[in-house]
Amino acid sequence: GKSGRMTDAELKERLATSVVREDNGDVRITEIPMVDQGPKGYCVPATFERAMRTMGIDADMYLLAMVGKSSAGGGTVVEILLENVKSSVYRKGRRVKEDDIKSLKIRDVKRYIDTGIPLMWRLHSVDEYNNLTDENTAGRASGGAAFREAMHAKAAKLEDKDKPEENGHICMIIGYNEQTEELAVSDSWGKEFELRWVPLEVADWASGGKLFMILP
């Protein structure tokens, strides 16, 4: 019942066709499977399953939770899981990579998104981050320049606060908009959270300083 190996050429072609570019400057990846992390809070295994399946690799959240030594309520160490899935990734002709980032920039994600590769992003999913992300997502389509200015002003106030250290989380960065300085993120919390847009300043404030990806 396992899927056959997809060649690099086939994978790269499929990934490239999944990138959508909108007239408003939005660039985002489509065709990423949703995996709901469920009540146990398996955000890391669920996100890894999404990334692996996007890259043509069989994966199961619960098996990944076992190899990542996840506990109910979360608690997966990303580096442990990454190390333990390397063999499965390599057998499919893929490779894993991680980037340390001091300050999150659009250039950090653009080169991957443009080729259809989603990034797994470590962050602190605190209320301030989620509230501003939800507000920005709900109002960005009809808000115009005045709305964006108001959001950037709120983000600037947030930047004056100490960076959070609680509520460790991992989600996917699946898009960006250079004109409005926003990132598209996708959480493993079900369809409602499949696509949200976060101002770059807010994302940088909440960032945990790590990006992980699976590459062709």
Protein backbone atom coordinates (compact mmCIF):
# COMPACT_ATOMS: atom_id res chain seq x y z
CA GLY A 1 0.00 0.00 0.00
CA LYS A 2 2.98 2.34 0.00
CA SER A 3 3.29 4.92 -2.74
CA GLY A 4 5.98 4.54 -5.36
CA ARG A 5 8.99 6.81 -5.45
CA MET A 6 8.41 10.07 -7.32
CA THR A 7 11.35 11.33 -9.37
CA ASP A 8 12.85 14.73 -8.65
CA ALA A 9 11.65 16.01 -12.00
CA GLU A 10 8.09 14.87 -11.35
CA LEU A 11 8.09 16.31 -7.85
CA LYS A 12 9.55 19.67 -8.88
CA GLU A 13 6.98 19.98 -11.66
CA ARG A 14 4.12 19.22 -9.26
CA LEU A 15 5.47 21.64 -6.67
CA ALA A 16 5.88 24.42 -9.22
CA THR A 17 2.28 24.07 -10.40
CA SER A 18 1.04 24.38 -6.81
CA VAL A 19 2.33 27.95 -6.50
CA VAL A 20 -0.40 30.55 -7.04
CA ARG A 21 0.37 34.22 -7.73
CA GLU A 22 -2.46 36.72 -7.24
CA ASP A 23 -2.80 40.21 -8.72
CA ASN A 24 -2.57 41.73 -5.22
CA GLY A 25 0.93 40.32 -4.74
CA ASP A 26 -0.02 37.21 -2.76
CA VAL A 27 2.20 34.22 -3.52
CA ARG A 28 1.20 30.97 -1.86
CA ILE A 29 1.39 27.20 -2.13
CA THR A 30 -1.79 25.21 -2.63
CA GLU A 31 -2.33 21.42 -2.56
CA ILE A 32 -0.88 20.95 0.93
CA PRO A 33 -2.81 18.22 2.78
CA MET A 34 -4.44 19.21 6.06
CA VAL A 35 -3.65 17.01 9.05
CA ASP A 36 -5.51 17.93 12.22
CA GLN A 37 -3.23 17.51 15.23
CA GLY A 38 -6.20 16.48 17.37
CA PRO A 39 -6.78 16.77 21.12
CA LYS A 40 -3.31 15.47 22.02
CA GLY A 41 -1.74 18.60 20.59
CA TYR A 42 0.63 16.83 18.20
CA CYS A 43 1.49 19.97 16.24
CA VAL A 44 5.01 18.84 15.35
CA PRO A 45 4.09 15.33 14.10
CA ALA A 46 1.04 16.70 12.24
CA THR A 47 3.10 19.43 10.57
CA PHE A 48 5.82 16.97 9.62
CA GLU A 49 3.24 14.63 8.11
CA ARG A 50 1.88 17.51 6.02
CA ALA A 51 5.37 18.45 4.82
CA MET A 52 6.38 14.86 4.08
CA ARG A 53 3.21 14.08 2.15
CA THR A 54 3.63 17.29 0.17
CA MET A 55 7.06 16.00 -0.86
CA GLY A 56 5.72 12.58 -1.88
CA ILE A 57 6.75 10.70 1.28
CA ASP A 58 4.42 8.36 3.19
CA ALA A 59 3.85 9.58 6.74
CA ASP A 60 1.50 9.13 9.69
CA MET A 61 1.15 11.62 12.54
CA TYR A 62 0.87 8.97 15.24
CA LEU A 63 3.94 7.06 14.09
CA LEU A 64 5.83 10.34 13.90
CA ALA A 65 4.69 11.13 17.45
CA MET A 66 6.21 7.84 18.59
CA VAL A 67 9.59 8.40 16.94
CA GLY A 68 9.58 12.01 18.10
CA LYS A 69 8.82 10.94 21.68
CA SER A 70 5.76 13.19 21.80
CA SER A 71 3.69 13.44 24.94
CA ALA A 72 -0.01 14.24 25.15
CA GLY A 73 -0.46 17.98 25.09
CA GLY A 74 2.56 18.47 22.84
CA GLY A 75 6.17 18.40 23.88
CA THR A 76 7.81 17.00 20.75
CA VAL A 77 11.44 18.00 20.32
CA VAL A 78 11.66 18.99 16.65
CA GLU A 79 15.34 18.11 16.32
CA ILE A 80 14.74 14.58 17.64
CA LEU A 81 11.93 13.97 15.18
CA LEU A 82 13.94 15.48 12.35
CA GLU A 83 16.87 13.17 13.07
CA ASN A 84 14.62 10.11 13.28
CA VAL A 85 12.82 10.73 9.97
CA LYS A 86 15.98 11.35 7.97
CA SER A 87 16.23 7.74 6.82
CA SER A 88 12.64 7.74 5.51
CA VAL A 89 13.25 11.04 3.76
CA TYR A 90 16.53 9.90 2.21
CA ARG A 91 14.99 6.63 0.97
CA LYS A 92 12.61 8.72 -1.12
CA GLY A 93 15.49 10.72 -2.55
CA ARG A 94 14.75 13.83 -0.48
CA ARG A 95 16.78 15.68 2.14
CA VAL A 96 16.10 17.67 5.28
CA LYS A 97 17.41 21.12 6.11
CA GLU A 98 17.13 23.58 8.96
CA ASP A 99 17.89 27.30 9.05
CA ASP A 100 18.61 29.46 12.08
CA ILE A 101 17.11 32.92 11.68
CA LYS A 102 17.78 35.86 13.99
CA SER A 103 15.18 38.09 12.38
CA LEU A 104 12.47 36.65 10.14
CA LYS A 105 12.52 38.22 6.67
CA ILE A 106 10.52 37.55 3.52
CA ARG A 107 13.76 36.68 1.76
CA ASP A 108 14.16 33.79 4.23
CA VAL A 109 11.06 32.10 2.83
CA LYS A 110 10.68 33.44 -0.70
CA ARG A 111 13.22 31.18 -2.42
CA TYR A 112 11.49 28.10 -1.03
CA ILE A 113 7.89 29.23 -1.54
CA ASP A 114 8.60 30.22 -5.15
CA THR A 115 9.48 26.59 -5.92
CA GLY A 116 6.53 25.13 -4.00
CA ILE A 117 8.38 24.07 -0.85
CA PRO A 118 6.54 24.81 2.41
CA LEU A 119 8.54 25.67 5.50
CA MET A 120 7.99 24.33 9.00
CA TRP A 121 8.34 27.30 11.33
CA ARG A 122 8.96 27.28 15.08
CA LEU A 123 7.11 30.03 16.92
CA HIS A 124 5.42 30.98 20.17
CA SER A 125 1.69 30.82 19.52
CA VAL A 126 0.58 33.32 22.17
CA ASP A 127 -2.73 35.21 22.24
CA GLU A 128 -1.24 38.47 20.96
CA TYR A 129 0.10 36.72 17.88
CA ASN A 130 -3.09 34.80 17.14
CA ASN A 131 -5.43 37.74 17.77
CA LEU A 132 -3.54 40.03 15.40
CA THR A 133 -3.20 37.27 12.81
CA ASP A 134 -6.95 36.57 12.91
CA GLU A 135 -7.78 40.28 12.70
CA ASN A 136 -5.41 40.79 9.79
CA THR A 137 -6.73 37.74 7.92
CA ALA A 138 -10.34 38.81 8.33
CA GLY A 139 -9.83 42.39 7.21
CA ARG A 140 -7.03 42.35 4.65
CA ALA A 141 -9.18 41.67 1.57
CA SER A 142 -11.43 44.72 1.99
CA GLY A 143 -9.47 46.95 4.36
CA GLY A 144 -7.17 48.72 1.93
CA ALA A 145 -4.22 50.95 2.78
CA ALA A 146 -5.80 52.42 5.91
CA PHE A 147 -6.36 48.95 7.36
CA ARG A 148 -2.77 47.92 6.62
CA GLU A 149 -1.44 51.06 8.32
CA ALA A 150 -3.57 50.33 11.39
CA MET A 151 -2.30 46.75 11.52
CA HIS A 152 1.32 47.85 11.20
CA ALA A 153 0.76 50.32 14.04
CA LYS A 154 -0.57 47.53 16.27
CA ALA A 155 2.36 45.35 15.25
CA ALA A 156 4.80 48.12 16.16
CA LYS A 157 3.35 48.26 19.68
CA LEU A 158 3.74 44.51 19.95
CA GLU A 159 7.39 44.75 18.95
CA ASP A 160 8.03 46.93 22.00
CA LYS A 161 7.12 44.01 24.25
CA ASP A 162 9.56 41.27 25.25
CA LYS A 163 9.55 38.32 22.88
CA PRO A 164 7.38 35.48 24.21
CA GLU A 165 8.88 32.28 25.54
CA GLU A 166 5.74 30.25 26.26
CA ASN A 167 3.33 28.30 24.02
CA GLY A 168 5.91 26.69 21.78
CA HIS A 169 4.38 25.65 18.47
CA ILE A 170 5.24 24.75 14.91
CA CYS A 171 3.22 25.53 11.80
CA MET A 172 3.84 25.95 8.07
CA ILE A 173 4.77 29.10 6.19
CA ILE A 174 3.14 28.64 2.80
CA GLY A 175 3.23 32.09 1.22
CA TYR A 176 4.21 35.74 1.32
CA ASN A 177 3.34 39.18 -0.02
CA GLU A 178 6.32 41.48 -0.52
CA GLN A 179 4.17 44.56 -1.13
CA THR A 180 2.22 44.33 2.12
CA GLU A 181 4.97 42.56 4.10
CA GLU A 182 2.87 39.59 5.20
CA LEU A 183 3.42 35.86 5.52
CA ALA A 184 0.82 33.17 4.83
CA VAL A 185 0.76 30.53 7.57
CA SER A 186 -1.07 27.23 7.92
CA ASP A 187 -1.70 25.54 11.28
CA SER A 188 -2.58 21.90 11.94
CA TRP A 189 -5.83 22.89 13.67
CA GLY A 190 -8.27 22.00 10.87
CA LYS A 191 -9.67 23.71 7.79
CA GLU A 192 -10.44 26.99 9.56
CA PHE A 193 -6.72 27.54 10.11
CA GLU A 194 -5.50 26.27 6.75
CA LEU A 195 -4.63 29.78 5.52
CA ARG A 196 -4.00 32.86 7.64
CA TRP A 197 -2.02 36.00 6.87
CA VAL A 198 0.25 37.48 9.54
CA PRO A 199 2.06 40.85 9.36
CA LEU A 200 5.79 40.26 9.11
CA GLU A 201 6.52 42.28 12.27
CA VAL A 202 4.13 40.10 14.27
CA ALA A 203 5.63 36.90 12.86
CA ASP A 204 9.15 38.07 13.68
CA TRP A 205 8.12 38.95 17.26
CA ALA A 206 6.61 35.50 17.81
CA SER A 207 9.30 33.60 15.91
CA GLY A 208 11.28 30.86 17.61
CA GLY A 209 14.23 31.37 15.27
CA LYS A 210 14.09 28.10 13.32
CA LEU A 211 12.90 26.99 9.90
CA PHE A 212 12.81 23.34 8.87
CA MET A 213 12.16 22.03 5.37
CA ILE A 214 12.20 18.88 3.26
CA LEU A 215 13.84 19.42 -0.11
CA PRO A 216 13.92 17.52 -3.42
